[in-house]
Amino acid sequence: MTRDEFLMLLKENNIDESAVVFDDPTKDGYCIRKNYFRWEIFFRERGKEYNLTGYPSESDALAALFEKLVQLKV
């Protein structure tokens, strides 16, 4: 899954795109970033990171984040 496909799926499922943060170390929300040799997803609130999970590719991380957001319906 590419970022464009991910964002399209968010729109199709009425999930707020602004809840997702790409590669920004300061914003709160559901985050995705590249960290050395893996991609990570996590939730950041007030500068603290929660539920960090690593994936081998951006596609895998985006798919996992999408599934999480669908379950939460952010």
PDB file of N, CA and C in Angstrom:
ATOM      1  N   MET A   1       0.851  -1.167   0.000  1.00  0.00           N
ATOM      2  CA  MET A   1       0.000   0.000   0.000  1.00  0.00           C
ATOM      3  C   MET A   1       0.905   1.241   0.000  1.00  0.00           C
ATOM      4  N   THR A   2       0.569   2.197  -0.827  1.00  0.00           N
ATOM      5  CA  THR A   2       1.305   3.455  -0.870  1.00  0.00           C
ATOM      6  C   THR A   2       0.618   4.482   0.034  1.00  0.00           C
ATOM      7  N   ARG A   3       1.287   5.596   0.263  1.00  0.00           N
ATOM      8  CA  ARG A   3       0.669   6.649   1.085  1.00  0.00           C
ATOM      9  C   ARG A   3      -0.594   7.182   0.425  1.00  0.00           C
ATOM     10  N   ASP A   4      -0.557   7.327  -0.899  1.00  0.00           N
ATOM     11  CA  ASP A   4      -1.748   7.815  -1.605  1.00  0.00           C
ATOM     12  C   ASP A   4      -2.917   6.847  -1.449  1.00  0.00           C
ATOM     13  N   GLU A   5      -2.645   5.555  -1.579  1.00  0.00           N
ATOM     14  CA  GLU A   5      -3.698   4.549  -1.389  1.00  0.00           C
ATOM     15  C   GLU A   5      -4.216   4.583   0.048  1.00  0.00           C
ATOM     16  N   PHE A   6      -3.307   4.740   0.998  1.00  0.00           N
ATOM     17  CA  PHE A   6      -3.679   4.822   2.408  1.00  0.00           C
ATOM     18  C   PHE A   6      -4.620   6.002   2.649  1.00  0.00           C
ATOM     19  N   LEU A   7      -4.245   7.178   2.135  1.00  0.00           N
ATOM     20  CA  LEU A   7      -5.074   8.367   2.325  1.00  0.00           C
ATOM     21  C   LEU A   7      -6.433   8.229   1.635  1.00  0.00           C
ATOM     22  N   MET A   8      -6.460   7.572   0.481  1.00  0.00           N
ATOM     23  CA  MET A   8      -7.720   7.330  -0.215  1.00  0.00           C
ATOM     24  C   MET A   8      -8.627   6.414   0.615  1.00  0.00           C
ATOM     25  N   LEU A   9      -8.039   5.371   1.205  1.00  0.00           N
ATOM     26  CA  LEU A   9      -8.822   4.469   2.050  1.00  0.00           C
ATOM     27  C   LEU A   9      -9.373   5.195   3.280  1.00  0.00           C
ATOM     28  N   LEU A  10      -8.594   6.105   3.843  1.00  0.00           N
ATOM     29  CA  LEU A  10      -9.094   6.881   4.979  1.00  0.00           C
ATOM     30  C   LEU A  10     -10.323   7.675   4.576  1.00  0.00           C
ATOM     31  N   LYS A  11     -10.255   8.346   3.420  1.00  0.00           N
ATOM     32  CA  LYS A  11     -11.400   9.131   2.938  1.00  0.00           C
ATOM     33  C   LYS A  11     -12.621   8.247   2.705  1.00  0.00           C
ATOM     34  N   GLU A  12     -12.396   7.094   2.065  1.00  0.00           N
ATOM     35  CA  GLU A  12     -13.504   6.182   1.759  1.00  0.00           C
ATOM     36  C   GLU A  12     -14.176   5.660   3.026  1.00  0.00           C
ATOM     37  N   ASN A  13     -13.436   5.578   4.119  1.00  0.00           N
ATOM     38  CA  ASN A  13     -13.979   5.058   5.376  1.00  0.00           C
ATOM     39  C   ASN A  13     -14.312   6.163   6.377  1.00  0.00           C
ATOM     40  N   ASN A  14     -14.357   7.406   5.890  1.00  0.00           N
ATOM     41  CA  ASN A  14     -14.702   8.565   6.721  1.00  0.00           C
ATOM     42  C   ASN A  14     -13.836   8.672   7.974  1.00  0.00           C
ATOM     43  N   ILE A  15     -12.540   8.474   7.789  1.00  0.00           N
ATOM     44  CA  ILE A  15     -11.579   8.611   8.877  1.00  0.00           C
ATOM     45  C   ILE A  15     -10.807   9.903   8.645  1.00  0.00           C
ATOM     46  N   ASP A  16     -10.714  10.716   9.675  1.00  0.00           N
ATOM     47  CA  ASP A  16     -10.060  12.019   9.582  1.00  0.00           C
ATOM     48  C   ASP A  16      -8.569  11.865   9.274  1.00  0.00           C
ATOM     49  N   GLU A  17      -8.151  12.389   8.131  1.00  0.00           N
ATOM     50  CA  GLU A  17      -6.741  12.311   7.713  1.00  0.00           C
ATOM     51  C   GLU A  17      -5.813  13.042   8.675  1.00  0.00           C
ATOM     52  N   SER A  18      -6.311  14.070   9.315  1.00  0.00           N
ATOM     53  CA  SER A  18      -5.458  14.865  10.198  1.00  0.00           C
ATOM     54  C   SER A  18      -5.071  14.112  11.469  1.00  0.00           C
ATOM     55  N   ALA A  19      -5.672  12.962  11.703  1.00  0.00           N
ATOM     56  CA  ALA A  19      -5.307  12.139  12.861  1.00  0.00           C
ATOM     57  C   ALA A  19      -4.000  11.399  12.629  1.00  0.00           C
ATOM     58  N   VAL A  20      -3.539  11.354  11.368  1.00  0.00           N
ATOM     59  CA  VAL A  20      -2.316  10.621  11.016  1.00  0.00           C
ATOM     60  C   VAL A  20      -1.177  11.603  10.787  1.00  0.00           C
ATOM     61  N   VAL A  21      -0.037  11.285  11.381  1.00  0.00           N
ATOM     62  CA  VAL A  21       1.153  12.136  11.284  1.00  0.00           C
ATOM     63  C   VAL A  21       2.260  11.346  10.591  1.00  0.00           C
ATOM     64  N   PHE A  22       2.802  11.912   9.509  1.00  0.00           N
ATOM     65  CA  PHE A  22       3.901  11.290   8.781  1.00  0.00           C
ATOM     66  C   PHE A  22       5.212  11.998   9.131  1.00  0.00           C
ATOM     67  N   ASP A  23       6.159  11.269   9.679  1.00  0.00           N
ATOM     68  CA  ASP A  23       7.538  11.750   9.866  1.00  0.00           C
ATOM     69  C   ASP A  23       7.669  13.107  10.559  1.00  0.00           C
ATOM     70  N   ASP A  24       6.834  13.404  11.527  1.00  0.00           N
ATOM     71  CA  ASP A  24       6.952  14.663  12.268  1.00  0.00           C
ATOM     72  C   ASP A  24       7.159  14.341  13.745  1.00  0.00           C
ATOM     73  N   PRO A  25       8.311  14.680  14.294  1.00  0.00           N
ATOM     74  CA  PRO A  25       8.618  14.302  15.675  1.00  0.00           C
ATOM     75  C   PRO A  25       7.935  15.154  16.740  1.00  0.00           C
ATOM     76  N   THR A  26       7.094  16.105  16.351  1.00  0.00           N
ATOM     77  CA  THR A  26       6.484  16.993  17.344  1.00  0.00           C
ATOM     78  C   THR A  26       4.965  16.900  17.432  1.00  0.00           C
ATOM     79  N   LYS A  27       4.300  16.471  16.381  1.00  0.00           N
ATOM     80  CA  LYS A  27       2.834  16.464  16.377  1.00  0.00           C
ATOM     81  C   LYS A  27       2.278  15.229  17.078  1.00  0.00           C
ATOM     82  N   ASP A  28       1.143  15.420  17.734  1.00  0.00           N
ATOM     83  CA  ASP A  28       0.439  14.317  18.385  1.00  0.00           C
ATOM     84  C   ASP A  28      -0.490  13.642  17.396  1.00  0.00           C
ATOM     85  N   GLY A  29      -0.773  12.363  17.622  1.00  0.00           N
ATOM     86  CA  GLY A  29      -1.701  11.613  16.788  1.00  0.00           C
ATOM     87  C   GLY A  29      -1.167  10.227  16.500  1.00  0.00           C
ATOM     88  N   TYR A  30      -1.746   9.579  15.504  1.00  0.00           N
ATOM     89  CA  TYR A  30      -1.297   8.258  15.064  1.00  0.00           C
ATOM     90  C   TYR A  30      -0.162   8.475  14.077  1.00  0.00           C
ATOM     91  N   CYS A  31       1.015   8.002  14.429  1.00  0.00           N
ATOM     92  CA  CYS A  31       2.226   8.352  13.699  1.00  0.00           C
ATOM     93  C   CYS A  31       2.818   7.167  12.948  1.00  0.00           C
ATOM     94  N   ILE A  32       3.476   7.488  11.848  1.00  0.00           N
ATOM     95  CA  ILE A  32       4.247   6.502  11.094  1.00  0.00           C
ATOM     96  C   ILE A  32       5.568   7.162  10.721  1.00  0.00           C
ATOM     97  N   ARG A  33       6.660   6.403  10.902  1.00  0.00           N
ATOM     98  CA  ARG A  33       7.981   6.948  10.586  1.00  0.00           C
ATOM     99  C   ARG A  33       8.934   5.819  10.222  1.00  0.00           C
ATOM    100  N   LYS A  34       9.963   6.192   9.485  1.00  0.00           N
ATOM    101  CA  LYS A  34      11.055   5.262   9.179  1.00  0.00           C
ATOM    102  C   LYS A  34      12.090   5.425  10.272  1.00  0.00           C
ATOM    103  N   ASN A  35      12.516   4.308  10.847  1.00  0.00           N
ATOM    104  CA  ASN A  35      13.513   4.326  11.902  1.00  0.00           C
ATOM    105  C   ASN A  35      14.586   3.305  11.559  1.00  0.00           C
ATOM    106  N   TYR A  36      15.679   3.790  11.021  1.00  0.00           N
ATOM    107  CA  TYR A  36      16.775   2.939  10.552  1.00  0.00           C
ATOM    108  C   TYR A  36      16.277   1.945   9.515  1.00  0.00           C
ATOM    109  N   PHE A  37      16.185   0.667   9.868  1.00  0.00           N
ATOM    110  CA  PHE A  37      15.854  -0.361   8.885  1.00  0.00           C
ATOM    111  C   PHE A  37      14.411  -0.837   8.964  1.00  0.00           C
ATOM    112  N   ARG A  38      13.570  -0.151   9.714  1.00  0.00           N
ATOM    113  CA  ARG A  38      12.170  -0.571   9.820  1.00  0.00           C
ATOM    114  C   ARG A  38      11.251   0.639   9.858  1.00  0.00           C
ATOM    115  N   TRP A  39       9.978   0.375   9.661  1.00  0.00           N
ATOM    116  CA  TRP A  39       8.943   1.401   9.770  1.00  0.00           C
ATOM    117  C   TRP A  39       8.209   1.184  11.076  1.00  0.00           C
ATOM    118  N   GLU A  40       7.814   2.272  11.723  1.00  0.00           N
ATOM    119  CA  GLU A  40       7.143   2.180  13.018  1.00  0.00           C
ATOM    120  C   GLU A  40       5.826   2.938  12.987  1.00  0.00           C
ATOM    121  N   ILE A  41       4.839   2.374  13.687  1.00  0.00           N
ATOM    122  CA  ILE A  41       3.588   3.082  13.934  1.00  0.00           C
ATOM    123  C   ILE A  41       3.402   3.151  15.445  1.00  0.00           C
ATOM    124  N   PHE A  42       2.781   4.239  15.887  1.00  0.00           N
ATOM    125  CA  PHE A  42       2.560   4.428  17.319  1.00  0.00           C
ATOM    126  C   PHE A  42       1.605   5.597  17.505  1.00  0.00           C
ATOM    127  N   PHE A  43       1.174   5.782  18.736  1.00  0.00           N
ATOM    128  CA  PHE A  43       0.335   6.922  19.075  1.00  0.00           C
ATOM    129  C   PHE A  43       1.164   7.863  19.945  1.00  0.00           C
ATOM    130  N   ARG A  44       1.169   9.153  19.595  1.00  0.00           N
ATOM    131  CA  ARG A  44       1.898  10.147  20.383  1.00  0.00           C
ATOM    132  C   ARG A  44       0.896  11.124  20.988  1.00  0.00           C
ATOM    133  N   GLU A  45       1.048  11.342  22.294  1.00  0.00           N
ATOM    134  CA  GLU A  45       0.224  12.318  22.987  1.00  0.00           C
ATOM    135  C   GLU A  45       1.103  13.072  23.970  1.00  0.00           C
ATOM    136  N   ARG A  46       1.086  14.388  23.873  1.00  0.00           N
ATOM    137  CA  ARG A  46       1.890  15.258  24.736  1.00  0.00           C
ATOM    138  C   ARG A  46       3.361  14.842  24.764  1.00  0.00           C
ATOM    139  N   GLY A  47       3.862  14.468  23.609  1.00  0.00           N
ATOM    140  CA  GLY A  47       5.271  14.135  23.480  1.00  0.00           C
ATOM    141  C   GLY A  47       5.653  12.720  23.877  1.00  0.00           C
ATOM    142  N   LYS A  48       4.727  11.942  24.409  1.00  0.00           N
ATOM    143  CA  LYS A  48       5.015  10.554  24.792  1.00  0.00           C
ATOM    144  C   LYS A  48       4.487   9.607  23.725  1.00  0.00           C
ATOM    145  N   GLU A  49       5.265   8.552  23.466  1.00  0.00           N
ATOM    146  CA  GLU A  49       4.892   7.584  22.431  1.00  0.00           C
ATOM    147  C   GLU A  49       4.347   6.317  23.089  1.00  0.00           C
ATOM    148  N   TYR A  50       3.248   5.810  22.535  1.00  0.00           N
ATOM    149  CA  TYR A  50       2.588   4.626  23.075  1.00  0.00           C
ATOM    150  C   TYR A  50       2.384   3.579  21.986  1.00  0.00           C
ATOM    151  N   ASN A  51       2.421   2.330  22.377  1.00  0.00           N
ATOM    152  CA  ASN A  51       2.101   1.186  21.512  1.00  0.00           C
ATOM    153  C   ASN A  51       2.922   1.158  20.223  1.00  0.00           C
ATOM    154  N   LEU A  52       4.207   1.375  20.326  1.00  0.00           N
ATOM    155  CA  LEU A  52       5.083   1.363  19.163  1.00  0.00           C
ATOM    156  C   LEU A  52       5.229  -0.058  18.629  1.00  0.00           C
ATOM    157  N   THR A  53       5.044  -0.202  17.312  1.00  0.00           N
ATOM    158  CA  THR A  53       5.180  -1.486  16.640  1.00  0.00           C
ATOM    159  C   THR A  53       6.011  -1.286  15.381  1.00  0.00           C
ATOM    160  N   GLY A  54       6.952  -2.187  15.117  1.00  0.00           N
ATOM    161  CA  GLY A  54       7.820  -2.083  13.952  1.00  0.00           C
ATOM    162  C   GLY A  54       7.408  -3.019  12.832  1.00  0.00           C
ATOM    163  N   TYR A  55       7.663  -2.607  11.589  1.00  0.00           N
ATOM    164  CA  TYR A  55       7.333  -3.377  10.387  1.00  0.00           C
ATOM    165  C   TYR A  55       8.480  -3.300   9.394  1.00  0.00           C
ATOM    166  N   PRO A  56       8.623  -4.309   8.553  1.00  0.00           N
ATOM    167  CA  PRO A  56       9.745  -4.327   7.612  1.00  0.00           C
ATOM    168  C   PRO A  56       9.588  -3.366   6.430  1.00  0.00           C
ATOM    169  N   SER A  57       8.364  -2.931   6.131  1.00  0.00           N
ATOM    170  CA  SER A  57       8.159  -2.034   4.986  1.00  0.00           C
ATOM    171  C   SER A  57       7.115  -0.975   5.320  1.00  0.00           C
ATOM    172  N   GLU A  58       7.148   0.107   4.566  1.00  0.00           N
ATOM    173  CA  GLU A  58       6.146   1.159   4.739  1.00  0.00           C
ATOM    174  C   GLU A  58       4.754   0.619   4.419  1.00  0.00           C
ATOM    175  N   SER A  59       4.661  -0.217   3.412  1.00  0.00           N
ATOM    176  CA  SER A  59       3.382  -0.795   3.023  1.00  0.00           C
ATOM    177  C   SER A  59       2.761  -1.590   4.172  1.00  0.00           C
ATOM    178  N   ASP A  60       3.567  -2.412   4.835  1.00  0.00           N
ATOM    179  CA  ASP A  60       3.069  -3.199   5.971  1.00  0.00           C
ATOM    180  C   ASP A  60       2.625  -2.279   7.111  1.00  0.00           C
ATOM    181  N   ALA A  61       3.404  -1.243   7.373  1.00  0.00           N
ATOM    182  CA  ALA A  61       3.064  -0.314   8.450  1.00  0.00           C
ATOM    183  C   ALA A  61       1.774   0.446   8.143  1.00  0.00           C
ATOM    184  N   LEU A  62       1.617   0.891   6.903  1.00  0.00           N
ATOM    185  CA  LEU A  62       0.394   1.597   6.519  1.00  0.00           C
ATOM    186  C   LEU A  62      -0.823   0.691   6.626  1.00  0.00           C
ATOM    187  N   ALA A  63      -0.694  -0.555   6.202  1.00  0.00           N
ATOM    188  CA  ALA A  63      -1.809  -1.502   6.291  1.00  0.00           C
ATOM    189  C   ALA A  63      -2.198  -1.735   7.752  1.00  0.00           C
ATOM    190  N   ALA A  64      -1.207  -1.892   8.622  1.00  0.00           N
ATOM    191  CA  ALA A  64      -1.488  -2.110  10.046  1.00  0.00           C
ATOM    192  C   ALA A  64      -2.126  -0.868  10.669  1.00  0.00           C
ATOM    193  N   LEU A  65      -1.628   0.309  10.320  1.00  0.00           N
ATOM    194  CA  LEU A  65      -2.203   1.540  10.857  1.00  0.00           C
ATOM    195  C   LEU A  65      -3.629   1.727  10.363  1.00  0.00           C
ATOM    196  N   PHE A  66      -3.882   1.415   9.114  1.00  0.00           N
ATOM    197  CA  PHE A  66      -5.244   1.522   8.586  1.00  0.00           C
ATOM    198  C   PHE A  66      -6.187   0.608   9.346  1.00  0.00           C
ATOM    199  N   GLU A  67      -5.784  -0.633   9.577  1.00  0.00           N
ATOM    200  CA  GLU A  67      -6.630  -1.582  10.320  1.00  0.00           C
ATOM    201  C   GLU A  67      -6.925  -1.062  11.717  1.00  0.00           C
ATOM    202  N   LYS A  68      -5.918  -0.483  12.366  1.00  0.00           N
ATOM    203  CA  LYS A  68      -6.101   0.063  13.706  1.00  0.00           C
ATOM    204  C   LYS A  68      -7.095   1.229  13.684  1.00  0.00           C
ATOM    205  N   LEU A  69      -6.968   2.102  12.702  1.00  0.00           N
ATOM    206  CA  LEU A  69      -7.853   3.258  12.597  1.00  0.00           C
ATOM    207  C   LEU A  69      -9.287   2.860  12.269  1.00  0.00           C
ATOM    208  N   VAL A  70      -9.445   1.840  11.449  1.00  0.00           N
ATOM    209  CA  VAL A  70     -10.791   1.343  11.119  1.00  0.00           C
ATOM    210  C   VAL A  70     -11.466   0.812  12.384  1.00  0.00           C
ATOM    211  N   GLN A  71     -10.709   0.090  13.192  1.00  0.00           N
ATOM    212  CA  GLN A  71     -11.270  -0.438  14.439  1.00  0.00           C
ATOM    213  C   GLN A  71     -11.677   0.681  15.391  1.00  0.00           C
ATOM    214  N   LEU A  72     -10.877   1.760  15.416  1.00  0.00           N
ATOM    215  CA  LEU A  72     -11.161   2.874  16.313  1.00  0.00           C
ATOM    216  C   LEU A  72     -12.137   3.875  15.727  1.00  0.00           C
ATOM    217  N   LYS A  73     -12.237   3.907  14.382  1.00  0.00           N
ATOM    218  CA  LYS A  73     -13.057   4.888  13.644  1.00  0.00           C
ATOM    219  C   LYS A  73     -12.776   6.296  14.146  1.00  0.00           C
ATOM    220  N   VAL A  74     -11.530   6.732  13.980  1.00  0.00           N
ATOM    221  CA  VAL A  74     -11.078   8.065  14.412  1.00  0.00           C
ATOM    222  C   VAL A  74     -11.749   9.116  13.559  1.00  0.00           C
TER     223      VAL A  74
END
